[in-house]
Amino acid sequence: MVCSCENGKETDFSLLDNIIEENRDNEGILINVLHKAQTHYGALTPQIQKRISEGLNIPLSEVYGTITFYHFFTMVPKGKYVVKICTGTACYVRGANKLVEQFSEKLGIEVGGTTDDGLFSLETVRCVGACSLAPVVTVNDEDIFKRVSAKEIDDIIAKYK
């Protein structure tokens, strides 16, 4: 089934409907359905939240509350490359906040934002568990850049353009 959504774009909800149908009778399945929906659609938009709420017969407030409680869910589509800057104590004392400012300036977005071309999103995280390598920047939770300095920011961005 197709639903007319934001920006005049249409979204095909057939996969979401199948996910809901397969899990309708499973207790406590909301998080699994949300994960699958986000993986397929990129974000849990209000339309998707409403569809899940109706399909699983649970209050929309519960769907929304779950999404906003867990950091791994997003209601806004993220860029192809998600740049995360660790702001944990070790990274912070070694200049992580300056890196946040500089990445923000170079990408032209605030933390939590996505570039207009959909290529980059910028986020901060409390700790990536690599304190001896501080400050740390990750891209898509796969590529890890250690002891990052301001001089390296352009090279990191260029690697993904």
Protein backbone atom coordinates (compact mmCIF):
# COMPACT_ATOMS: atom_id res chain seq x y z
CA MET A 1 0.00 0.00 0.00
CA VAL A 2 1.25 3.51 -0.83
CA CYS A 3 0.80 6.54 1.38
CA SER A 4 1.22 10.14 0.26
CA CYS A 5 3.72 11.69 2.63
CA GLU A 6 5.92 14.71 3.25
CA ASN A 7 7.35 16.78 0.40
CA GLY A 8 4.93 15.26 -2.09
CA LYS A 9 6.84 11.98 -2.02
CA GLU A 10 5.04 8.68 -1.79
CA THR A 11 6.19 5.92 0.51
CA ASP A 12 5.54 2.26 -0.13
CA PHE A 13 4.49 0.73 3.17
CA SER A 14 4.08 -2.83 1.89
CA LEU A 15 7.28 -4.05 3.58
CA LEU A 16 6.27 -2.37 6.84
CA ASP A 17 2.83 -3.95 6.61
CA ASN A 18 4.48 -7.36 6.14
CA ILE A 19 6.78 -6.81 9.14
CA ILE A 20 3.81 -5.82 11.28
CA GLU A 21 1.73 -8.77 10.09
CA GLU A 22 4.52 -11.26 10.80
CA ASN A 23 4.95 -9.92 14.33
CA ARG A 24 1.44 -8.84 15.29
CA ASP A 25 0.88 -11.59 17.87
CA ASN A 26 4.37 -11.58 19.38
CA GLU A 27 4.49 -9.91 22.77
CA GLY A 28 7.10 -7.19 23.24
CA ILE A 29 7.90 -7.00 19.53
CA LEU A 30 7.83 -3.19 19.20
CA ILE A 31 11.61 -2.66 19.31
CA ASN A 32 12.19 -5.35 16.68
CA VAL A 33 9.56 -3.81 14.38
CA LEU A 34 11.07 -0.34 14.90
CA HIS A 35 14.56 -1.64 14.04
CA LYS A 36 13.36 -3.32 10.86
CA ALA A 37 11.36 -0.26 9.81
CA GLN A 38 14.29 2.10 10.42
CA THR A 39 16.67 -0.18 8.53
CA HIS A 40 14.38 -0.16 5.51
CA TYR A 41 13.08 3.44 5.55
CA GLY A 42 16.08 5.21 7.10
CA ALA A 43 14.06 6.96 9.81
CA LEU A 44 10.93 6.50 11.87
CA THR A 45 8.83 9.35 10.49
CA PRO A 46 5.45 10.30 11.99
CA GLN A 47 3.71 8.36 9.19
CA ILE A 48 5.70 5.21 9.96
CA GLN A 49 5.06 5.61 13.69
CA LYS A 50 1.32 5.90 13.08
CA ARG A 51 1.32 2.85 10.81
CA ILE A 52 3.17 0.78 13.43
CA SER A 53 0.86 2.00 16.19
CA GLU A 54 -2.25 1.05 14.25
CA GLY A 55 -0.80 -2.21 12.95
CA LEU A 56 0.33 -3.47 16.35
CA ASN A 57 -2.68 -1.95 18.12
CA ILE A 58 -0.59 -0.06 20.64
CA PRO A 59 -0.83 3.62 21.56
CA LEU A 60 1.07 6.05 19.35
CA SER A 61 2.49 7.55 22.55
CA GLU A 62 4.13 4.20 23.36
CA VAL A 63 5.71 4.01 19.90
CA TYR A 64 6.95 7.61 20.17
CA GLY A 65 8.15 7.08 23.75
CA THR A 66 10.16 4.04 22.73
CA ILE A 67 11.75 5.85 19.78
CA THR A 68 12.75 8.85 21.86
CA PHE A 69 14.01 6.75 24.79
CA TYR A 70 16.55 4.71 22.81
CA HIS A 71 19.43 6.60 21.16
CA PHE A 72 19.68 4.21 18.20
CA PHE A 73 16.31 5.25 16.79
CA THR A 74 15.93 8.37 14.69
CA MET A 75 12.94 10.29 13.40
CA VAL A 76 15.05 12.24 10.92
CA PRO A 77 16.80 10.54 8.00
CA LYS A 78 20.55 10.36 8.52
CA GLY A 79 23.21 10.94 5.92
CA LYS A 80 24.97 8.20 4.04
CA TYR A 81 27.97 8.83 6.31
CA VAL A 82 27.35 9.44 10.00
CA VAL A 83 30.31 11.21 11.58
CA LYS A 84 30.40 10.70 15.34
CA ILE A 85 32.75 12.60 17.59
CA CYS A 86 33.44 11.15 21.01
CA THR A 87 32.92 13.72 23.76
CA GLY A 88 33.71 11.43 26.69
CA THR A 89 36.09 12.72 29.34
CA ALA A 90 39.37 11.66 27.69
CA CYS A 91 38.30 12.97 24.28
CA TYR A 92 36.88 16.15 25.78
CA VAL A 93 40.09 17.09 27.59
CA ARG A 94 42.01 16.45 24.36
CA GLY A 95 39.93 18.86 22.30
CA ALA A 96 36.82 17.01 21.15
CA ASN A 97 34.65 20.12 21.49
CA LYS A 98 36.90 21.99 19.06
CA LEU A 99 36.56 19.08 16.63
CA VAL A 100 32.78 19.25 16.95
CA GLU A 101 32.85 22.97 16.12
CA GLN A 102 35.19 22.46 13.17
CA PHE A 103 33.30 19.51 11.68
CA SER A 104 30.09 21.49 12.08
CA GLU A 105 31.61 24.47 10.28
CA LYS A 106 33.16 22.41 7.47
CA LEU A 107 29.98 20.39 6.86
CA GLY A 108 27.68 23.38 7.31
CA ILE A 109 25.44 21.57 9.81
CA GLU A 110 24.84 21.51 13.53
CA VAL A 111 25.19 18.38 15.66
CA GLY A 112 22.18 16.21 14.90
CA GLY A 113 21.87 17.63 11.40
CA THR A 114 22.32 16.23 7.93
CA THR A 115 23.84 17.98 4.93
CA ASP A 116 21.41 19.08 2.22
CA ASP A 117 22.84 16.50 -0.18
CA GLY A 118 22.15 13.73 2.35
CA LEU A 119 25.78 12.71 2.40
CA PHE A 120 26.80 13.53 6.00
CA SER A 121 25.21 13.60 9.43
CA LEU A 122 27.04 14.87 12.49
CA GLU A 123 26.60 13.43 15.98
CA THR A 124 28.37 13.34 19.30
CA VAL A 125 28.66 10.26 21.51
CA ARG A 126 29.60 10.01 25.16
CA CYS A 127 32.29 7.36 24.83
CA VAL A 128 33.50 4.92 22.20
CA GLY A 129 35.73 3.01 24.60
CA ALA A 130 39.00 4.05 23.00
CA CYS A 131 40.16 6.59 25.57
CA SER A 132 43.87 6.00 24.95
CA LEU A 133 43.31 7.07 21.33
CA ALA A 134 41.51 10.33 22.16
CA PRO A 135 40.10 12.31 20.54
CA VAL A 136 38.26 9.75 18.45
CA VAL A 137 36.00 10.22 15.42
CA THR A 138 34.05 7.40 13.80
CA VAL A 139 32.27 7.21 10.47
CA ASN A 140 29.33 4.82 10.26
CA ASP A 141 30.57 3.11 13.43
CA GLU A 142 33.06 1.24 11.23
CA ASP A 143 35.93 3.56 10.38
CA ILE A 144 37.75 4.82 13.46
CA PHE A 145 40.04 7.83 13.37
CA LYS A 146 42.32 8.18 16.38
CA ARG A 147 44.08 11.17 17.92
CA VAL A 148 42.28 13.42 15.43
CA SER A 149 43.54 16.95 15.00
CA ALA A 150 41.98 19.89 13.19
CA LYS A 151 44.43 19.34 10.31
CA GLU A 152 42.85 15.96 9.53
CA ILE A 153 39.22 17.06 9.26
CA ASP A 154 39.38 17.97 5.55
CA ASP A 155 41.00 14.62 4.74
CA ILE A 156 38.38 12.69 6.72
CA ILE A 157 35.54 14.47 4.92
CA ALA A 158 37.22 14.09 1.51
CA LYS A 159 37.55 10.34 2.01
CA TYR A 160 33.75 10.01 1.85
CA LYS A 161 32.86 12.54 -0.84
